[in-house]
Amino acid sequence: MELLLFLAFFVAFAIKGAALPFSTLAADAHVEAPTAGSVLLAGVMLKMGTYGLVRFSLRFSRRSVTSWRL
């Protein structure tokens, strides 16, 4: 069960942080948005996925991470 939760959190936050290319909407949003919107999208929204990956996925499932040797 812990491995399943680890994988679910990992995939969710990897998609949010743009580590896994799930859709092409973000690339269109960066091009079409004004400068402030693009900065907000890149600086805040995409970094939340990386923060969540480190904060939640890796901390909540230490055994799964050590079994994967991450």
PDB file of N, CA and C in Angstrom:
ATOM      1  N   MET A   1       0.815  -1.189   0.000  1.00  0.00           N
ATOM      2  CA  MET A   1       0.000   0.000   0.000  1.00  0.00           C
ATOM      3  C   MET A   1       0.867   1.264   0.000  1.00  0.00           C
ATOM      4  N   GLU A   2       1.956   1.210   0.760  1.00  0.00           N
ATOM      5  CA  GLU A   2       2.847   2.374   0.825  1.00  0.00           C
ATOM      6  C   GLU A   2       3.486   2.656  -0.529  1.00  0.00           C
ATOM      7  N   LEU A   3       3.863   1.615  -1.247  1.00  0.00           N
ATOM      8  CA  LEU A   3       4.453   1.798  -2.569  1.00  0.00           C
ATOM      9  C   LEU A   3       3.436   2.402  -3.539  1.00  0.00           C
ATOM     10  N   LEU A   4       2.197   1.974  -3.443  1.00  0.00           N
ATOM     11  CA  LEU A   4       1.151   2.530  -4.303  1.00  0.00           C
ATOM     12  C   LEU A   4       0.934   4.011  -4.014  1.00  0.00           C
ATOM     13  N   LEU A   5       0.902   4.385  -2.739  1.00  0.00           N
ATOM     14  CA  LEU A   5       0.765   5.798  -2.379  1.00  0.00           C
ATOM     15  C   LEU A   5       1.967   6.612  -2.847  1.00  0.00           C
ATOM     16  N   PHE A   6       3.162   6.044  -2.702  1.00  0.00           N
ATOM     17  CA  PHE A   6       4.363   6.730  -3.176  1.00  0.00           C
ATOM     18  C   PHE A   6       4.280   6.984  -4.677  1.00  0.00           C
ATOM     19  N   LEU A   7       3.896   5.978  -5.432  1.00  0.00           N
ATOM     20  CA  LEU A   7       3.798   6.144  -6.885  1.00  0.00           C
ATOM     21  C   LEU A   7       2.728   7.165  -7.269  1.00  0.00           C
ATOM     22  N   ALA A   8       1.601   7.145  -6.566  1.00  0.00           N
ATOM     23  CA  ALA A   8       0.532   8.096  -6.867  1.00  0.00           C
ATOM     24  C   ALA A   8       0.979   9.529  -6.597  1.00  0.00           C
ATOM     25  N   PHE A   9       1.598   9.777  -5.436  1.00  0.00           N
ATOM     26  CA  PHE A   9       2.093  11.117  -5.129  1.00  0.00           C
ATOM     27  C   PHE A   9       3.212  11.518  -6.086  1.00  0.00           C
ATOM     28  N   PHE A  10       4.097  10.586  -6.394  1.00  0.00           N
ATOM     29  CA  PHE A  10       5.216  10.884  -7.283  1.00  0.00           C
ATOM     30  C   PHE A  10       4.722  11.296  -8.673  1.00  0.00           C
ATOM     31  N   VAL A  11       3.804  10.543  -9.224  1.00  0.00           N
ATOM     32  CA  VAL A  11       3.283  10.867 -10.559  1.00  0.00           C
ATOM     33  C   VAL A  11       2.514  12.185 -10.529  1.00  0.00           C
ATOM     34  N   ALA A  12       1.697  12.397  -9.506  1.00  0.00           N
ATOM     35  CA  ALA A  12       0.912  13.629  -9.424  1.00  0.00           C
ATOM     36  C   ALA A  12       1.803  14.859  -9.346  1.00  0.00           C
ATOM     37  N   PHE A  13       2.808  14.830  -8.482  1.00  0.00           N
ATOM     38  CA  PHE A  13       3.673  15.993  -8.336  1.00  0.00           C
ATOM     39  C   PHE A  13       4.646  16.126  -9.503  1.00  0.00           C
ATOM     40  N   ALA A  14       5.028  15.033 -10.127  1.00  0.00           N
ATOM     41  CA  ALA A  14       5.895  15.118 -11.306  1.00  0.00           C
ATOM     42  C   ALA A  14       5.151  15.756 -12.475  1.00  0.00           C
ATOM     43  N   ILE A  15       3.870  15.476 -12.598  1.00  0.00           N
ATOM     44  CA  ILE A  15       3.073  16.133 -13.638  1.00  0.00           C
ATOM     45  C   ILE A  15       2.916  17.609 -13.313  1.00  0.00           C
ATOM     46  N   LYS A  16       2.654  17.932 -12.056  1.00  0.00           N
ATOM     47  CA  LYS A  16       2.483  19.336 -11.653  1.00  0.00           C
ATOM     48  C   LYS A  16       3.778  20.119 -11.856  1.00  0.00           C
ATOM     49  N   GLY A  17       4.910  19.512 -11.597  1.00  0.00           N
ATOM     50  CA  GLY A  17       6.196  20.188 -11.750  1.00  0.00           C
ATOM     51  C   GLY A  17       6.760  20.105 -13.145  1.00  0.00           C
ATOM     52  N   ALA A  18       6.004  19.595 -14.072  1.00  0.00           N
ATOM     53  CA  ALA A  18       6.378  19.472 -15.481  1.00  0.00           C
ATOM     54  C   ALA A  18       7.565  18.540 -15.702  1.00  0.00           C
ATOM     55  N   ALA A  19       7.784  17.601 -14.812  1.00  0.00           N
ATOM     56  CA  ALA A  19       8.810  16.595 -15.024  1.00  0.00           C
ATOM     57  C   ALA A  19       8.327  15.522 -15.997  1.00  0.00           C
ATOM     58  N   LEU A  20       7.027  15.265 -15.963  1.00  0.00           N
ATOM     59  CA  LEU A  20       6.405  14.353 -16.915  1.00  0.00           C
ATOM     60  C   LEU A  20       5.536  15.177 -17.858  1.00  0.00           C
ATOM     61  N   PRO A  21       5.796  15.128 -19.151  1.00  0.00           N
ATOM     62  CA  PRO A  21       5.001  15.935 -20.086  1.00  0.00           C
ATOM     63  C   PRO A  21       3.597  15.351 -20.264  1.00  0.00           C
ATOM     64  N   PHE A  22       2.662  15.826 -19.487  1.00  0.00           N
ATOM     65  CA  PHE A  22       1.308  15.284 -19.511  1.00  0.00           C
ATOM     66  C   PHE A  22       0.438  15.961 -20.558  1.00  0.00           C
ATOM     67  N   SER A  23       0.641  17.247 -20.763  1.00  0.00           N
ATOM     68  CA  SER A  23      -0.111  17.962 -21.800  1.00  0.00           C
ATOM     69  C   SER A  23       0.749  19.100 -22.335  1.00  0.00           C
ATOM     70  N   THR A  24       0.316  19.671 -23.422  1.00  0.00           N
ATOM     71  CA  THR A  24       1.072  20.764 -24.034  1.00  0.00           C
ATOM     72  C   THR A  24       0.455  22.121 -23.734  1.00  0.00           C
ATOM     73  N   LEU A  25      -0.482  22.178 -22.817  1.00  0.00           N
ATOM     74  CA  LEU A  25      -1.141  23.441 -22.502  1.00  0.00           C
ATOM     75  C   LEU A  25      -0.192  24.435 -21.843  1.00  0.00           C
ATOM     76  N   ALA A  26       0.752  23.962 -21.053  1.00  0.00           N
ATOM     77  CA  ALA A  26       1.673  24.876 -20.370  1.00  0.00           C
ATOM     78  C   ALA A  26       2.541  25.620 -21.375  1.00  0.00           C
ATOM     79  N   ALA A  27       3.000  24.956 -22.415  1.00  0.00           N
ATOM     80  CA  ALA A  27       3.817  25.627 -23.424  1.00  0.00           C
ATOM     81  C   ALA A  27       3.015  26.705 -24.134  1.00  0.00           C
ATOM     82  N   ASP A  28       1.768  26.431 -24.449  1.00  0.00           N
ATOM     83  CA  ASP A  28       0.902  27.435 -25.076  1.00  0.00           C
ATOM     84  C   ASP A  28       0.626  28.590 -24.120  1.00  0.00           C
ATOM     85  N   ALA A  29       0.455  28.285 -22.841  1.00  0.00           N
ATOM     86  CA  ALA A  29       0.166  29.326 -21.858  1.00  0.00           C
ATOM     87  C   ALA A  29       1.347  30.275 -21.703  1.00  0.00           C
ATOM     88  N   HIS A  30       2.564  29.753 -21.742  1.00  0.00           N
ATOM     89  CA  HIS A  30       3.744  30.617 -21.624  1.00  0.00           C
ATOM     90  C   HIS A  30       3.861  31.561 -22.815  1.00  0.00           C
ATOM     91  N   VAL A  31       3.549  31.085 -23.976  1.00  0.00           N
ATOM     92  CA  VAL A  31       3.664  31.911 -25.183  1.00  0.00           C
ATOM     93  C   VAL A  31       2.570  32.970 -25.230  1.00  0.00           C
ATOM     94  N   GLU A  32       1.360  32.584 -24.888  1.00  0.00           N
ATOM     95  CA  GLU A  32       0.208  33.483 -25.025  1.00  0.00           C
ATOM     96  C   GLU A  32       0.063  34.469 -23.858  1.00  0.00           C
ATOM     97  N   ALA A  33       0.614  34.136 -22.709  1.00  0.00           N
ATOM     98  CA  ALA A  33       0.405  34.962 -21.517  1.00  0.00           C
ATOM     99  C   ALA A  33       1.264  36.219 -21.543  1.00  0.00           C
ATOM    100  N   PRO A  34       0.805  37.266 -20.863  1.00  0.00           N
ATOM    101  CA  PRO A  34       1.677  38.428 -20.688  1.00  0.00           C
ATOM    102  C   PRO A  34       2.860  38.056 -19.789  1.00  0.00           C
ATOM    103  N   THR A  35       3.841  38.920 -19.733  1.00  0.00           N
ATOM    104  CA  THR A  35       5.071  38.610 -18.999  1.00  0.00           C
ATOM    105  C   THR A  35       4.797  38.259 -17.546  1.00  0.00           C
ATOM    106  N   ALA A  36       3.962  39.022 -16.889  1.00  0.00           N
ATOM    107  CA  ALA A  36       3.672  38.754 -15.474  1.00  0.00           C
ATOM    108  C   ALA A  36       2.998  37.390 -15.294  1.00  0.00           C
ATOM    109  N   GLY A  37       2.117  37.046 -16.187  1.00  0.00           N
ATOM    110  CA  GLY A  37       1.460  35.737 -16.102  1.00  0.00           C
ATOM    111  C   GLY A  37       2.416  34.594 -16.344  1.00  0.00           C
ATOM    112  N   SER A  38       3.332  34.767 -17.275  1.00  0.00           N
ATOM    113  CA  SER A  38       4.313  33.736 -17.557  1.00  0.00           C
ATOM    114  C   SER A  38       5.279  33.550 -16.386  1.00  0.00           C
ATOM    115  N   VAL A  39       5.671  34.651 -15.770  1.00  0.00           N
ATOM    116  CA  VAL A  39       6.548  34.580 -14.598  1.00  0.00           C
ATOM    117  C   VAL A  39       5.839  33.884 -13.450  1.00  0.00           C
ATOM    118  N   LEU A  40       4.586  34.213 -13.247  1.00  0.00           N
ATOM    119  CA  LEU A  40       3.810  33.568 -12.188  1.00  0.00           C
ATOM    120  C   LEU A  40       3.672  32.078 -12.457  1.00  0.00           C
ATOM    121  N   LEU A  41       3.394  31.719 -13.698  1.00  0.00           N
ATOM    122  CA  LEU A  41       3.237  30.315 -14.055  1.00  0.00           C
ATOM    123  C   LEU A  41       4.540  29.544 -13.839  1.00  0.00           C
ATOM    124  N   ALA A  42       5.640  30.095 -14.321  1.00  0.00           N
ATOM    125  CA  ALA A  42       6.919  29.394 -14.201  1.00  0.00           C
ATOM    126  C   ALA A  42       7.480  29.463 -12.791  1.00  0.00           C
ATOM    127  N   GLY A  43       7.356  30.607 -12.164  1.00  0.00           N
ATOM    128  CA  GLY A  43       8.001  30.802 -10.872  1.00  0.00           C
ATOM    129  C   GLY A  43       7.274  30.184  -9.703  1.00  0.00           C
ATOM    130  N   VAL A  44       5.973  30.109  -9.790  1.00  0.00           N
ATOM    131  CA  VAL A  44       5.207  29.630  -8.644  1.00  0.00           C
ATOM    132  C   VAL A  44       4.551  28.283  -8.926  1.00  0.00           C
ATOM    133  N   MET A  45       3.756  28.226  -9.963  1.00  0.00           N
ATOM    134  CA  MET A  45       2.952  27.033 -10.195  1.00  0.00           C
ATOM    135  C   MET A  45       3.793  25.796 -10.511  1.00  0.00           C
ATOM    136  N   LEU A  46       4.801  25.939 -11.354  1.00  0.00           N
ATOM    137  CA  LEU A  46       5.607  24.768 -11.707  1.00  0.00           C
ATOM    138  C   LEU A  46       6.525  24.340 -10.570  1.00  0.00           C
ATOM    139  N   LYS A  47       6.944  25.292  -9.760  1.00  0.00           N
ATOM    140  CA  LYS A  47       7.824  24.951  -8.642  1.00  0.00           C
ATOM    141  C   LYS A  47       7.074  24.271  -7.504  1.00  0.00           C
ATOM    142  N   MET A  48       5.750  24.470  -7.445  1.00  0.00           N
ATOM    143  CA  MET A  48       4.959  23.790  -6.415  1.00  0.00           C
ATOM    144  C   MET A  48       5.015  22.279  -6.579  1.00  0.00           C
ATOM    145  N   GLY A  49       5.092  21.813  -7.803  1.00  0.00           N
ATOM    146  CA  GLY A  49       5.184  20.370  -8.033  1.00  0.00           C
ATOM    147  C   GLY A  49       6.484  19.799  -7.512  1.00  0.00           C
ATOM    148  N   THR A  50       7.573  20.506  -7.713  1.00  0.00           N
ATOM    149  CA  THR A  50       8.869  20.049  -7.216  1.00  0.00           C
ATOM    150  C   THR A  50       8.893  20.084  -5.694  1.00  0.00           C
ATOM    151  N   TYR A  51       8.374  21.142  -5.104  1.00  0.00           N
ATOM    152  CA  TYR A  51       8.312  21.235  -3.650  1.00  0.00           C
ATOM    153  C   TYR A  51       7.452  20.103  -3.071  1.00  0.00           C
ATOM    154  N   GLY A  52       6.307  19.860  -3.677  1.00  0.00           N
ATOM    155  CA  GLY A  52       5.438  18.784  -3.207  1.00  0.00           C
ATOM    156  C   GLY A  52       6.077  17.422  -3.339  1.00  0.00           C
ATOM    157  N   LEU A  53       6.833  17.235  -4.410  1.00  0.00           N
ATOM    158  CA  LEU A  53       7.528  15.963  -4.603  1.00  0.00           C
ATOM    159  C   LEU A  53       8.512  15.705  -3.471  1.00  0.00           C
ATOM    160  N   VAL A  54       9.292  16.694  -3.137  1.00  0.00           N
ATOM    161  CA  VAL A  54      10.279  16.535  -2.062  1.00  0.00           C
ATOM    162  C   VAL A  54       9.598  16.476  -0.704  1.00  0.00           C
ATOM    163  N   ARG A  55       8.650  17.361  -0.477  1.00  0.00           N
ATOM    164  CA  ARG A  55       8.029  17.475   0.837  1.00  0.00           C
ATOM    165  C   ARG A  55       7.139  16.296   1.190  1.00  0.00           C
ATOM    166  N   PHE A  56       6.308  15.856   0.276  1.00  0.00           N
ATOM    167  CA  PHE A  56       5.316  14.838   0.601  1.00  0.00           C
ATOM    168  C   PHE A  56       5.692  13.452   0.110  1.00  0.00           C
ATOM    169  N   SER A  57       6.009  13.311  -1.157  1.00  0.00           N
ATOM    170  CA  SER A  57       6.259  11.984  -1.711  1.00  0.00           C
ATOM    171  C   SER A  57       7.441  11.301  -1.045  1.00  0.00           C
ATOM    172  N   LEU A  58       8.530  12.016  -0.899  1.00  0.00           N
ATOM    173  CA  LEU A  58       9.733  11.387  -0.366  1.00  0.00           C
ATOM    174  C   LEU A  58       9.702  11.251   1.150  1.00  0.00           C
ATOM    175  N   ARG A  59       9.043  12.141   1.845  1.00  0.00           N
ATOM    176  CA  ARG A  59       8.988  12.046   3.305  1.00  0.00           C
ATOM    177  C   ARG A  59       7.970  11.036   3.800  1.00  0.00           C
ATOM    178  N   PHE A  60       6.851  10.910   3.116  1.00  0.00           N
ATOM    179  CA  PHE A  60       5.804  10.007   3.581  1.00  0.00           C
ATOM    180  C   PHE A  60       6.109   8.549   3.293  1.00  0.00           C
ATOM    181  N   SER A  61       7.050   8.274   2.452  1.00  0.00           N
ATOM    182  CA  SER A  61       7.302   6.886   2.060  1.00  0.00           C
ATOM    183  C   SER A  61       8.792   6.589   2.041  1.00  0.00           C
ATOM    184  N   ARG A  62       9.411   6.643   3.190  1.00  0.00           N
ATOM    185  CA  ARG A  62      10.857   6.424   3.278  1.00  0.00           C
ATOM    186  C   ARG A  62      11.250   5.007   2.846  1.00  0.00           C
ATOM    187  N   ARG A  63      10.452   4.018   3.219  1.00  0.00           N
ATOM    188  CA  ARG A  63      10.793   2.643   2.829  1.00  0.00           C
ATOM    189  C   ARG A  63      10.735   2.451   1.327  1.00  0.00           C
ATOM    190  N   SER A  64       9.756   3.055   0.671  1.00  0.00           N
ATOM    191  CA  SER A  64       9.649   2.926  -0.783  1.00  0.00           C
ATOM    192  C   SER A  64      10.829   3.592  -1.470  1.00  0.00           C
ATOM    193  N   VAL A  65      11.243   4.727  -0.960  1.00  0.00           N
ATOM    194  CA  VAL A  65      12.370   5.449  -1.567  1.00  0.00           C
ATOM    195  C   VAL A  65      13.656   4.651  -1.377  1.00  0.00           C
ATOM    196  N   THR A  66      13.879   4.111  -0.201  1.00  0.00           N
ATOM    197  CA  THR A  66      15.111   3.360   0.025  1.00  0.00           C
ATOM    198  C   THR A  66      15.095   2.043  -0.758  1.00  0.00           C
ATOM    199  N   SER A  67      13.923   1.471  -0.992  1.00  0.00           N
ATOM    200  CA  SER A  67      13.897   0.254  -1.789  1.00  0.00           C
ATOM    201  C   SER A  67      14.185   0.549  -3.264  1.00  0.00           C
ATOM    202  N   TRP A  68      13.894   1.781  -3.711  1.00  0.00           N
ATOM    203  CA  TRP A  68      14.220   2.196  -5.082  1.00  0.00           C
ATOM    204  C   TRP A  68      15.617   2.752  -5.189  1.00  0.00           C
ATOM    205  N   ARG A  69      16.278   2.942  -4.056  1.00  0.00           N
ATOM    206  CA  ARG A  69      17.641   3.485  -3.987  1.00  0.00           C
ATOM    207  C   ARG A  69      17.712   4.919  -4.519  1.00  0.00           C
ATOM    208  N   LEU A  70      16.716   5.739  -4.165  1.00  0.00           N
ATOM    209  CA  LEU A  70      16.703   7.143  -4.589  1.00  0.00           C
ATOM    210  C   LEU A  70      17.450   7.985  -3.603  1.00  0.00           C
TER     211      LEU A  70
END
